[in-house]
Amino acid sequence: MARSGASFHRSQGLMGRIRQHNRTANQHRQPRIVPYRLPSRAPWLNPIEPHWLWAKRFVYNVESPLTPELLQKRVYDYFDKKNATISMGS
């Protein structure tokens, strides 16, 4: 049986980073990452999918390479800004 999805989504390295992030997130009351598998050819099942293009443009709109810490900060900044916009519209 062939597996679907990108191999880096299932790598041990990524899963280790997620576990480490979740430990730190619990200590600092930050959002945790809870991975779950969706069919690779069904993006409509993933509600975050439409946001990735905009998030990538926001996060990578820099002149120099990003450190992991700066990448995390920019992702949080994007979604904090997005959540504030959604809250104001409600």
Protein backbone atom coordinates (compact mmCIF):
# COMPACT_ATOMS: atom_id res chain seq x y z
CA MET A 1 0.00 0.00 0.00
CA ALA A 2 1.47 3.35 -1.03
CA ARG A 3 1.60 6.13 1.52
CA SER A 4 0.34 9.56 0.64
CA GLY A 5 1.64 12.96 1.65
CA ALA A 6 5.12 14.40 1.88
CA SER A 7 7.69 12.16 3.54
CA PHE A 8 8.90 15.02 5.76
CA HIS A 9 5.42 15.15 7.32
CA ARG A 10 6.02 11.68 8.75
CA SER A 11 9.73 11.88 9.56
CA GLN A 12 11.04 10.97 13.00
CA GLY A 13 12.89 14.28 13.09
CA LEU A 14 9.72 16.26 12.59
CA MET A 15 7.80 14.20 15.15
CA GLY A 16 10.64 14.79 17.64
CA ARG A 17 10.50 18.55 17.01
CA ILE A 18 6.74 18.51 17.52
CA ARG A 19 7.13 16.63 20.83
CA GLN A 20 9.79 19.13 21.98
CA HIS A 21 7.63 22.08 20.93
CA ASN A 22 4.63 20.66 22.81
CA ARG A 23 6.67 20.24 26.00
CA THR A 24 7.83 23.85 25.79
CA ALA A 25 4.38 25.07 24.77
CA ASN A 26 2.80 23.43 27.81
CA GLN A 27 5.28 25.18 30.12
CA HIS A 28 4.65 28.59 28.53
CA ARG A 29 0.91 28.21 27.88
CA GLN A 30 1.36 28.43 24.11
CA PRO A 31 -0.56 26.53 21.44
CA ARG A 32 0.40 22.88 21.00
CA ILE A 33 0.73 21.07 17.69
CA VAL A 34 -1.57 18.07 17.29
CA PRO A 35 -0.79 16.27 14.02
CA TYR A 36 -3.36 14.13 12.30
CA ARG A 37 -3.40 12.64 8.84
CA LEU A 38 -5.70 13.74 6.06
CA PRO A 39 -5.86 12.36 2.52
CA SER A 40 -3.22 14.12 0.39
CA ARG A 41 -5.63 14.81 -2.45
CA ALA A 42 -8.41 16.33 -0.34
CA PRO A 43 -7.27 19.84 0.71
CA TRP A 44 -10.90 20.88 1.33
CA LEU A 45 -10.85 18.66 4.44
CA ASN A 46 -8.11 20.79 5.99
CA PRO A 47 -9.46 24.18 7.14
CA ILE A 48 -5.94 25.67 7.40
CA GLU A 49 -5.12 25.01 3.73
CA PRO A 50 -6.44 28.35 2.35
CA HIS A 51 -4.30 30.25 4.86
CA TRP A 52 -0.95 28.71 3.90
CA LEU A 53 -0.37 30.81 0.79
CA TRP A 54 -0.96 34.03 2.70
CA ALA A 55 1.01 32.88 5.72
CA LYS A 56 3.98 31.89 3.55
CA ARG A 57 3.97 35.28 1.84
CA PHE A 58 3.89 37.05 5.22
CA VAL A 59 6.53 34.86 6.86
CA TYR A 60 9.02 34.74 3.99
CA ASN A 61 8.72 38.38 3.00
CA VAL A 62 12.23 39.10 4.28
CA GLU A 63 15.61 39.79 2.69
CA SER A 64 17.73 37.49 4.86
CA PRO A 65 17.42 33.80 5.81
CA LEU A 66 15.22 33.05 8.81
CA THR A 67 16.43 31.36 11.97
CA PRO A 68 14.06 28.76 13.44
CA GLU A 69 13.23 31.20 16.25
CA LEU A 70 12.45 34.05 13.87
CA LEU A 71 10.40 31.73 11.67
CA GLN A 72 8.33 30.67 14.69
CA LYS A 73 7.86 34.29 15.77
CA ARG A 74 6.71 35.36 12.28
CA VAL A 75 4.24 32.46 12.05
CA TYR A 76 2.81 33.37 15.48
CA ASP A 77 2.65 37.05 14.45
CA TYR A 78 0.75 36.18 11.27
CA PHE A 79 -1.85 34.04 13.02
CA ASP A 80 -2.17 36.49 15.94
CA LYS A 81 -2.90 39.23 13.39
CA LYS A 82 -5.30 36.93 11.52
CA ASN A 83 -7.13 36.01 14.75
CA ALA A 84 -7.41 39.67 15.74
CA THR A 85 -8.97 40.46 12.34
CA ILE A 86 -11.44 37.59 12.70
CA SER A 87 -12.35 38.66 16.27
CA MET A 88 -12.99 42.24 15.18
CA GLY A 89 -15.31 41.05 12.41
CA SER A 90 -17.47 39.00 14.79
